Amino acid sequence: MISIVIGVVVVAALAFFMSRSGSETATPEPSEAKAEPPVRQVETPKAEPKAKEALTLIMSPKEAQAAASDAMASSEPTVVPEGQTEKPTSATELQAEPENEPQTEQEPQVETPTATKAELPAGGSAVLALLDVSGENLSSPNRAALSAASQLAEARGVPLHICCLGADTQSAAHAGLEGATVHSISDESLADGLSETYTAAALSALAAIPADAIVGAASTIGKGFLPRLAEALGCGMVSEILSVESADTFTRALWAGSTIATVKGEGRLVISVRATGFDPAQTSEASPQSISFQAPPSKLRFVERQVTSSARPDLSEASVVVSGGRGTKGDFAPIEELADALAAGMGASRAACDAGWVPNDLQVGQTGKVVAPNLYFAIGISGAIQHIAGMKGSKTIVAINKDADAPIFGVADYGLVADLFDACPELAQKVASQGLKPTA
């Protein structure tokens, strides 16, 4: 009986304590659920400025003081330099700093073109002929450029100045024309033929000789530095003119010479001259005036020059040229035999050069050399428009081809329908037996 009573008391006591503990644990849960979210929301954005309004609303004084101390501790590394404490406080100041930096970087870019333009030589009422020379004799392209420059100066009614550029300017003493003044710029740096150096020399010449029209030969060197000179001066350029129509109007070839365009230039002009369009000028003795020149530092470095030596005359200088094409089938012996008999220069079509039968420096045509000899032999050449563009300025054209319908006969003054392997040796023998020699 006593054990039953004790069991009932224990069960009742356990039930009482369990109900009391359940009520105690149930009541703090909602309070904790209400209190925990504010504390968690405050701890995450410690140093953000936007959280300051939330701190005054949902945190207790002790919690706000603890959060403020934590924020100050987290911002201490960025506030070490005293002079910089006020700069990052506003977003507008942070955006203004990158705006000022590009302006300081752009200042030298704006000043450089202004300084360059100020240093450029001013124009003047004169025509300046720039000749790239080497040695004692003037080349045919340079003499043709002198003819064009003389015609332009006469059309404009202005004086003509001639300036010879090169490492060896002895030919300047033979570059005189009536009424023209001859100058020279001689420097070893011009021996390498670098376009950059020739452009600098041309600018030095223009600084001493103000001119509105600059004329040069469309030679290998001229094609390199004349366009650079036009770009440096910021003026227009007319390339490879064939004639001077007036003070500002010229003709030039288009579409491989199938079209002749008449062009008109305004203001200052740089003009290159195709040698085949003008007769070489007859020059006289002159006393050239030297112009000082100091080569500027260059980013280009001369490495090597490969020159093909030949006992035959150069294509650009020869009065007679004998060219072979695809019809030779790679055997240029008949072409060489006739060229030697005539003391002529030897050329070739692009097809023969591309096939590797002859060196590329013998190519005559639009993408090769442009020649205008007194006598031109086109042997075994069909007569593509690209080849005709390089030789149509010849005074007399002779074509030898076994195809009677070959287009070359359309531009030839004399044509022979025959096999070149039979015709060339026979023609060479007759020339040698009669002692025929080409005339200049």
Protein backbone atom coordinates (compact mmCIF):
# COMPACT_ATOMS: atom_id res chain seq x y z
CA MET A 1 0.00 0.00 0.00
CA ILE A 2 2.82 2.31 0.88
CA SER A 3 4.58 1.53 -2.41
CA ILE A 4 1.44 2.39 -4.34
CA VAL A 5 1.18 5.75 -2.61
CA ILE A 6 4.84 6.52 -3.27
CA GLY A 7 4.43 5.66 -6.98
CA VAL A 8 1.43 7.96 -7.33
CA VAL A 9 3.34 10.81 -5.69
CA VAL A 10 6.33 10.36 -7.98
CA VAL A 11 4.14 10.27 -11.08
CA ALA A 12 2.30 13.39 -9.98
CA ALA A 13 5.59 15.18 -9.28
CA LEU A 14 7.00 14.28 -12.65
CA ALA A 15 3.84 15.45 -14.39
CA PHE A 16 4.01 18.78 -12.53
CA PHE A 17 7.64 19.45 -13.40
CA MET A 18 7.13 18.43 -17.01
CA SER A 19 4.15 20.77 -17.46
CA ARG A 20 6.06 23.62 -15.80
CA SER A 21 9.16 23.11 -17.96
CA GLY A 22 6.99 22.94 -21.10
CA SER A 23 5.40 26.26 -20.25
CA GLU A 24 8.80 27.85 -19.58
CA THR A 25 10.29 26.61 -22.85
CA ALA A 26 7.24 27.56 -24.89
CA THR A 27 7.09 31.14 -23.72
CA PRO A 28 10.72 32.18 -24.47
CA GLU A 29 10.60 30.77 -28.02
CA PRO A 30 8.39 33.51 -29.48
CA SER A 31 10.39 36.16 -27.59
CA GLU A 32 13.62 34.71 -28.88
CA ALA A 33 12.17 34.48 -32.37
CA LYS A 34 11.31 38.14 -32.14
CA ALA A 35 14.68 39.14 -30.68
CA GLU A 36 17.01 37.01 -32.81
CA PRO A 37 16.15 38.39 -36.30
CA PRO A 38 17.02 42.01 -35.37
CA VAL A 39 20.36 40.92 -33.91
CA ARG A 40 21.21 38.89 -37.00
CA GLN A 41 20.18 41.68 -39.38
CA VAL A 42 22.40 44.14 -37.53
CA GLU A 43 25.52 41.95 -37.41
CA THR A 44 25.77 41.36 -41.18
CA PRO A 45 25.92 45.01 -42.47
CA LYS A 46 28.33 46.27 -39.84
CA ALA A 47 30.04 49.13 -41.69
CA GLU A 48 27.48 49.96 -44.38
CA PRO A 49 26.18 53.53 -44.18
CA LYS A 50 22.63 52.49 -45.08
CA ALA A 51 22.32 50.39 -41.90
CA LYS A 52 22.66 53.38 -39.57
CA GLU A 53 18.93 54.18 -39.65
CA ALA A 54 18.07 50.55 -38.86
CA LEU A 55 20.50 50.56 -35.92
CA THR A 56 18.63 53.31 -34.08
CA LEU A 57 15.31 51.54 -34.51
CA ILE A 58 15.90 47.89 -33.64
CA MET A 59 19.06 47.69 -31.48
CA SER A 60 19.40 48.19 -27.78
CA PRO A 61 21.91 50.79 -26.53
CA LYS A 62 24.44 48.11 -25.55
CA GLU A 63 24.08 46.37 -28.91
CA ALA A 64 24.39 49.68 -30.81
CA GLN A 65 27.57 50.55 -28.90
CA ALA A 66 29.05 47.13 -29.67
CA ALA A 67 28.13 47.43 -33.38
CA ALA A 68 29.63 50.93 -33.56
CA SER A 69 32.90 49.74 -32.03
CA ASP A 70 33.01 46.84 -34.49
CA ALA A 71 32.41 49.22 -37.42
CA MET A 72 35.20 51.53 -36.28
CA ALA A 73 37.57 48.59 -35.90
CA SER A 74 36.76 47.34 -39.42
CA SER A 75 37.33 50.80 -40.98
CA GLU A 76 40.62 51.54 -39.20
CA PRO A 77 42.92 50.14 -41.99
CA THR A 78 41.44 52.50 -44.61
CA VAL A 79 41.66 55.59 -42.38
CA VAL A 80 45.37 55.32 -41.52
CA PRO A 81 46.54 58.24 -43.78
CA GLU A 82 44.94 61.35 -42.28
CA GLY A 83 45.03 63.34 -45.51
CA GLN A 84 42.88 60.77 -47.29
CA THR A 85 40.09 60.40 -44.71
CA GLU A 86 37.77 62.85 -46.42
CA LYS A 87 38.28 61.79 -50.06
CA PRO A 88 36.43 58.47 -50.19
CA THR A 89 33.45 59.71 -48.13
CA SER A 90 31.31 60.59 -51.16
CA ALA A 91 30.58 58.55 -54.27
CA THR A 92 30.76 61.66 -56.50
CA GLU A 93 34.37 62.26 -55.50
CA LEU A 94 35.25 58.66 -56.28
CA GLN A 95 33.74 59.05 -59.75
CA ALA A 96 35.53 62.35 -60.36
CA GLU A 97 39.00 60.86 -59.84
CA PRO A 98 38.94 58.48 -62.84
CA GLU A 99 37.54 61.31 -64.99
CA ASN A 100 40.59 63.47 -64.30
CA GLU A 101 43.12 60.70 -64.98
CA PRO A 102 42.29 60.24 -68.71
CA GLN A 103 42.57 64.02 -69.18
CA THR A 104 46.16 64.00 -67.96
CA GLU A 105 46.92 61.06 -70.28
CA GLN A 106 45.31 62.78 -73.29
CA GLU A 107 47.19 66.07 -72.86
CA PRO A 108 50.42 64.88 -74.56
CA GLN A 109 48.38 63.31 -77.37
CA VAL A 110 46.73 66.64 -78.09
CA GLU A 111 49.95 68.64 -77.94
CA THR A 112 52.00 66.34 -80.19
CA PRO A 113 50.15 66.99 -83.48
CA THR A 114 50.17 70.73 -82.77
CA ALA A 115 53.92 70.73 -82.30
CA THR A 116 54.42 68.60 -85.40
CA LYS A 117 52.35 70.92 -87.56
CA ALA A 118 54.25 73.92 -86.28
CA GLU A 119 57.53 72.33 -87.29
CA LEU A 120 56.38 71.45 -90.82
CA PRO A 121 57.90 73.61 -93.57
CA ALA A 122 55.52 76.19 -94.93
CA GLY A 123 54.50 76.21 -98.57
CA GLY A 124 55.60 78.74 -101.14
CA SER A 125 55.24 79.75 -104.77
CA ALA A 126 57.75 77.32 -106.25
CA VAL A 127 58.10 73.84 -107.71
CA LEU A 128 60.63 71.52 -106.08
CA ALA A 129 61.95 68.47 -107.92
CA LEU A 130 63.34 65.82 -105.54
CA LEU A 131 65.72 63.38 -107.24
CA ASP A 132 67.12 60.25 -105.59
CA VAL A 133 70.56 59.99 -107.16
CA SER A 134 73.65 57.80 -106.92
CA GLY A 135 76.86 58.33 -108.82
CA GLU A 136 77.79 60.71 -111.60
CA ASN A 137 74.90 60.18 -114.04
CA LEU A 138 71.22 61.02 -113.76
CA SER A 139 68.92 58.07 -114.42
CA SER A 140 66.17 58.17 -117.02
CA PRO A 141 63.38 58.29 -114.38
CA ASN A 142 65.05 61.34 -112.81
CA ARG A 143 65.37 63.08 -116.16
CA ALA A 144 61.70 62.37 -116.86
CA ALA A 145 60.81 63.86 -113.46
CA LEU A 146 62.79 66.98 -114.38
CA SER A 147 60.79 67.29 -117.60
CA ALA A 148 57.51 67.10 -115.67
CA ALA A 149 58.70 69.55 -113.01
CA SER A 150 59.84 72.02 -115.67
CA GLN A 151 56.46 71.86 -117.43
CA LEU A 152 54.61 72.34 -114.14
CA ALA A 153 56.75 75.34 -113.14
CA GLU A 154 56.11 76.91 -116.54
CA ALA A 155 52.36 76.29 -116.28
CA ARG A 156 52.27 77.90 -112.84
CA GLY A 157 54.67 80.68 -113.68
CA VAL A 158 56.85 80.01 -110.62
CA PRO A 159 60.55 79.25 -110.16
CA LEU A 160 61.88 75.69 -110.34
CA HIS A 161 64.22 74.27 -107.70
CA ILE A 162 66.00 70.93 -108.03
CA CYS A 163 67.34 69.01 -105.03
CA CYS A 164 69.39 65.83 -105.39
CA LEU A 165 69.21 63.40 -102.42
CA GLY A 166 71.65 60.58 -101.79
CA ALA A 167 74.90 59.41 -100.31
CA ASP A 168 76.70 60.26 -103.57
CA THR A 169 75.29 63.38 -105.25
CA GLN A 170 77.93 63.96 -107.92
CA SER A 171 75.21 63.94 -110.56
CA ALA A 172 73.81 67.17 -109.06
CA ALA A 173 76.55 68.98 -110.99
CA HIS A 174 74.87 67.77 -114.22
CA ALA A 175 71.24 68.40 -113.20
CA GLY A 176 70.97 71.99 -114.38
CA LEU A 177 68.02 73.34 -116.33
CA GLU A 178 67.51 76.83 -117.71
CA GLY A 179 66.16 79.10 -114.99
CA ALA A 180 66.37 76.43 -112.28
CA THR A 181 68.34 76.46 -109.02
CA VAL A 182 70.07 73.21 -108.07
CA HIS A 183 70.55 72.02 -104.47
CA SER A 184 71.89 68.83 -102.92
CA ILE A 185 71.60 66.90 -99.67
CA SER A 186 74.39 64.37 -99.29
CA ASP A 187 74.51 62.05 -96.30
CA GLU A 188 75.76 58.50 -95.71
CA SER A 189 72.47 57.55 -94.07
CA LEU A 190 70.78 57.86 -97.48
CA ALA A 191 72.93 55.07 -98.92
CA ASP A 192 70.65 52.44 -97.37
CA GLY A 193 67.63 53.73 -99.29
CA LEU A 194 65.34 53.76 -96.23
CA SER A 195 62.11 55.62 -96.92
CA GLU A 196 62.07 57.09 -93.42
CA THR A 197 65.46 58.76 -93.94
CA TYR A 198 64.57 60.07 -97.39
CA THR A 199 61.35 61.56 -95.99
CA ALA A 200 63.35 63.42 -93.34
CA ALA A 201 65.77 64.68 -96.01
CA ALA A 202 62.86 65.87 -98.16
CA LEU A 203 61.44 67.80 -95.20
CA SER A 204 64.84 69.44 -94.70
CA ALA A 205 64.83 70.45 -98.36
CA LEU A 206 61.35 71.95 -98.01
CA ALA A 207 62.45 73.87 -94.92
CA ALA A 208 65.10 75.58 -97.06
CA ILE A 209 63.00 75.81 -100.25
CA PRO A 210 59.32 76.67 -99.63
CA ALA A 211 57.29 74.99 -102.37
CA ASP A 212 53.66 74.13 -102.99
CA ALA A 213 54.38 71.45 -105.60
CA ILE A 214 56.87 68.64 -104.94
CA VAL A 215 57.74 66.43 -107.91
CA GLY A 216 59.70 63.15 -107.83
CA ALA A 217 60.33 60.09 -109.97
CA ALA A 218 58.18 56.99 -109.48
CA SER A 219 61.33 54.93 -108.90
CA THR A 220 61.82 52.27 -106.26
CA ILE A 221 62.98 54.85 -103.72
CA GLY A 222 60.50 57.48 -104.87
CA LYS A 223 57.55 55.13 -104.44
CA GLY A 224 58.72 54.59 -100.87
CA PHE A 225 59.25 58.12 -99.57
CA LEU A 226 56.94 60.36 -101.66
CA PRO A 227 53.68 59.01 -100.14
CA ARG A 228 55.24 59.34 -96.68
CA LEU A 229 56.14 62.94 -97.47
CA ALA A 230 52.56 63.70 -98.52
CA GLU A 231 51.27 62.19 -95.29
CA ALA A 232 53.77 64.16 -93.21
CA LEU A 233 52.73 67.40 -94.92
CA GLY A 234 49.05 66.53 -94.69
CA CYS A 235 48.51 67.26 -98.37
CA GLY A 236 47.23 65.44 -101.43
CA MET A 237 49.22 63.30 -103.84
CA VAL A 238 48.92 62.49 -107.53
CA SER A 239 50.84 59.33 -108.35
CA GLU A 240 52.56 58.34 -111.60
CA ILE A 241 51.35 61.14 -113.82
CA LEU A 242 51.66 60.79 -117.59
CA SER A 243 51.29 64.45 -118.56
CA VAL A 244 50.87 67.96 -117.17
CA GLU A 245 47.67 69.48 -118.57
CA SER A 246 47.68 72.71 -116.56
CA ALA A 247 48.88 74.18 -113.27
CA ASP A 248 46.74 71.76 -111.26
CA THR A 249 45.52 69.14 -113.74
CA PHE A 250 47.29 65.93 -114.73
CA THR A 251 46.65 62.60 -116.44
CA ARG A 252 47.43 59.17 -115.05
CA ALA A 253 46.76 55.57 -116.08
CA LEU A 254 44.06 53.38 -114.51
CA TRP A 255 43.13 49.73 -114.92
CA ALA A 256 46.52 48.60 -116.24
CA GLY A 257 46.64 51.49 -118.67
CA SER A 258 43.32 50.70 -120.36
CA THR A 259 41.89 54.00 -119.04
CA ILE A 260 43.57 57.40 -118.83
CA ALA A 261 42.10 59.57 -116.07
CA THR A 262 42.36 63.36 -115.84
CA VAL A 263 42.71 64.47 -112.23
CA LYS A 264 42.81 67.91 -110.61
CA GLY A 265 44.57 68.70 -107.35
CA GLU A 266 43.97 71.48 -104.84
CA GLY A 267 46.42 73.17 -102.51
CA ARG A 268 49.81 71.71 -101.80
CA LEU A 269 50.61 68.60 -103.86
CA VAL A 270 53.15 65.79 -103.98
CA ILE A 271 53.47 64.37 -107.49
CA SER A 272 55.25 61.23 -108.71
CA VAL A 273 56.15 60.89 -112.39
CA ARG A 274 56.04 57.76 -114.54
CA ALA A 275 59.17 57.77 -116.65
CA THR A 276 57.41 56.47 -119.74
CA GLY A 277 55.13 59.51 -119.90
CA PHE A 278 57.84 62.18 -120.40
CA ASP A 279 60.88 62.52 -122.59
CA PRO A 280 64.10 62.73 -120.57
CA ALA A 281 65.18 66.31 -119.94
CA GLN A 282 68.35 67.59 -121.56
CA THR A 283 70.31 68.86 -118.56
CA SER A 284 73.38 71.09 -118.32
CA GLU A 285 76.16 71.83 -115.87
CA ALA A 286 75.21 73.41 -112.55
CA SER A 287 76.70 74.58 -109.25
CA PRO A 288 74.57 72.92 -106.58
CA GLN A 289 73.98 74.60 -103.23
CA SER A 290 74.41 72.27 -100.28
CA ILE A 291 71.61 71.95 -97.70
CA SER A 292 72.54 70.77 -94.22
CA PHE A 293 70.87 67.60 -93.02
CA GLN A 294 71.20 65.44 -89.94
CA ALA A 295 69.51 62.06 -90.10
CA PRO A 296 67.05 61.57 -87.21
CA PRO A 297 66.93 58.35 -85.17
CA SER A 298 65.07 55.65 -87.05
CA LYS A 299 63.15 52.58 -85.95
CA LEU A 300 64.26 50.85 -89.13
CA ARG A 301 67.61 49.16 -89.52
CA PHE A 302 69.20 48.27 -92.83
CA VAL A 303 70.07 44.57 -92.89
CA GLU A 304 71.05 43.47 -96.37
CA ARG A 305 70.75 44.31 -100.05
CA GLN A 306 70.74 41.63 -102.72
CA VAL A 307 71.71 42.92 -106.14
CA THR A 308 71.51 40.94 -109.35
CA SER A 309 74.51 41.83 -111.49
CA SER A 310 74.34 41.54 -115.27
CA ALA A 311 76.52 42.58 -118.14
CA ARG A 312 73.40 43.64 -120.03
CA PRO A 313 71.93 47.15 -119.66
CA ASP A 314 69.38 47.79 -116.93
CA LEU A 315 65.79 47.58 -118.12
CA SER A 316 64.99 51.13 -117.04
CA GLU A 317 68.02 52.52 -118.89
CA ALA A 318 68.20 50.32 -122.00
CA SER A 319 67.24 51.79 -125.38
CA VAL A 320 66.45 48.29 -126.68
CA VAL A 321 64.69 45.55 -124.67
CA VAL A 322 64.15 41.93 -125.72
CA SER A 323 61.51 40.10 -123.63
CA GLY A 324 60.41 36.47 -123.66
CA GLY A 325 57.26 34.84 -122.38
CA ARG A 326 55.46 31.56 -121.99
CA GLY A 327 56.20 30.63 -125.60
CA THR A 328 59.86 30.01 -124.73
CA LYS A 329 58.79 26.98 -122.65
CA GLY A 330 61.60 27.82 -120.24
CA ASP A 331 64.36 27.98 -122.87
CA PHE A 332 65.57 31.61 -122.93
CA ALA A 333 68.67 30.86 -125.03
CA PRO A 334 67.18 32.40 -128.23
CA ILE A 335 66.12 35.51 -126.25
CA GLU A 336 69.59 35.91 -124.75
CA GLU A 337 71.25 35.45 -128.13
CA LEU A 338 69.19 38.21 -129.74
CA ALA A 339 69.60 40.52 -126.73
CA ASP A 340 73.40 40.13 -126.84
CA ALA A 341 73.48 40.79 -130.58
CA LEU A 342 71.54 44.02 -130.06
CA ALA A 343 73.36 44.98 -126.82
CA ALA A 344 69.88 45.15 -125.34
CA GLY A 345 68.37 44.66 -121.94
CA MET A 346 66.50 41.41 -121.34
CA GLY A 347 63.01 41.21 -119.90
CA ALA A 348 60.29 38.65 -119.35
CA SER A 349 56.56 38.32 -118.81
CA ARG A 350 55.06 37.52 -115.45
CA ALA A 351 54.26 33.96 -116.52
CA ALA A 352 57.94 33.28 -117.23
CA CYS A 353 59.02 34.79 -113.89
CA ASP A 354 56.35 32.94 -111.90
CA ALA A 355 57.47 29.68 -113.53
CA GLY A 356 60.99 30.31 -112.23
CA TRP A 357 62.58 30.40 -115.68
CA VAL A 358 64.16 33.83 -115.10
CA PRO A 359 64.65 36.08 -112.03
CA ASN A 360 61.77 38.28 -110.89
CA ASP A 361 63.76 41.48 -111.42
CA LEU A 362 63.38 40.93 -115.20
CA GLN A 363 59.59 41.12 -115.09
CA VAL A 364 58.03 43.76 -117.31
CA GLY A 365 54.42 44.73 -116.68
CA GLN A 366 51.96 46.29 -114.31
CA THR A 367 53.39 44.45 -111.29
CA GLY A 368 56.95 44.57 -112.61
CA LYS A 369 59.04 47.24 -114.29
CA VAL A 370 57.61 49.86 -116.61
CA VAL A 371 59.87 50.46 -119.59
CA ALA A 372 59.73 52.74 -122.61
CA PRO A 373 62.73 51.96 -124.84
CA ASN A 374 63.15 53.01 -128.43
CA LEU A 375 62.76 49.38 -129.55
CA TYR A 376 60.92 46.60 -127.71
CA PHE A 377 60.82 42.94 -128.76
CA ALA A 378 57.92 40.86 -127.38
CA ILE A 379 58.82 37.26 -128.21
CA GLY A 380 56.57 34.35 -127.26
CA ILE A 381 54.35 36.74 -125.29
CA SER A 382 50.60 36.54 -125.81
CA GLY A 383 49.98 40.17 -124.86
CA ALA A 384 47.98 40.21 -121.62
CA ILE A 385 46.88 43.69 -120.58
CA GLN A 386 49.11 43.54 -117.48
CA HIS A 387 52.21 43.11 -119.65
CA ILE A 388 51.13 45.73 -122.17
CA ALA A 389 50.76 48.24 -119.33
CA GLY A 390 54.50 47.95 -118.69
CA MET A 391 55.75 48.41 -122.27
CA LYS A 392 53.11 50.26 -124.27
CA GLY A 393 55.13 53.48 -124.01
CA SER A 394 57.89 52.01 -126.20
CA LYS A 395 58.61 53.94 -129.37
CA THR A 396 58.63 50.84 -131.62
CA ILE A 397 57.21 47.42 -130.70
CA VAL A 398 58.08 44.21 -132.57
CA ALA A 399 56.13 41.01 -131.81
CA ILE A 400 57.17 37.45 -132.71
CA ASN A 401 54.59 34.74 -132.04
CA LYS A 402 53.43 31.63 -133.88
CA ASP A 403 49.81 32.37 -132.91
CA ALA A 404 48.47 34.83 -135.48
CA ASP A 405 45.56 35.73 -133.18
CA ALA A 406 47.73 36.69 -130.19
CA PRO A 407 46.62 40.03 -128.66
CA ILE A 408 50.22 41.31 -128.76
CA PHE A 409 49.85 41.95 -132.49
CA GLY A 410 47.17 44.53 -131.68
CA VAL A 411 49.74 46.89 -130.11
CA ALA A 412 52.79 45.96 -132.19
CA ASP A 413 54.19 48.17 -134.92
CA TYR A 414 55.74 45.13 -136.63
CA GLY A 415 54.63 41.53 -136.27
CA LEU A 416 56.16 38.22 -137.36
CA VAL A 417 54.09 35.02 -137.21
CA ALA A 418 56.79 32.40 -136.75
CA ASP A 419 58.34 29.98 -134.28
CA LEU A 420 60.69 31.94 -132.01
CA PHE A 421 63.22 29.09 -131.96
CA ASP A 422 63.69 29.57 -135.71
CA ALA A 423 63.23 33.33 -136.00
CA CYS A 424 65.42 34.53 -133.10
CA PRO A 425 68.68 32.76 -134.08
CA GLU A 426 68.30 33.85 -137.71
CA LEU A 427 67.59 37.46 -136.69
CA ALA A 428 70.56 37.45 -134.28
CA GLN A 429 72.90 36.22 -137.01
CA LYS A 430 71.78 38.92 -139.45
CA VAL A 431 72.18 41.65 -136.85
CA ALA A 432 75.69 40.42 -135.97
CA SER A 433 76.78 40.01 -139.60
CA GLN A 434 75.68 43.50 -140.59
CA GLY A 435 77.08 45.13 -137.45
CA LEU A 436 73.77 46.72 -136.46
CA LYS A 437 73.84 48.59 -133.16
CA PRO A 438 71.02 50.30 -131.28
CA THR A 439 70.95 54.07 -131.23
CA ALA A 440 70.14 56.10 -128.11
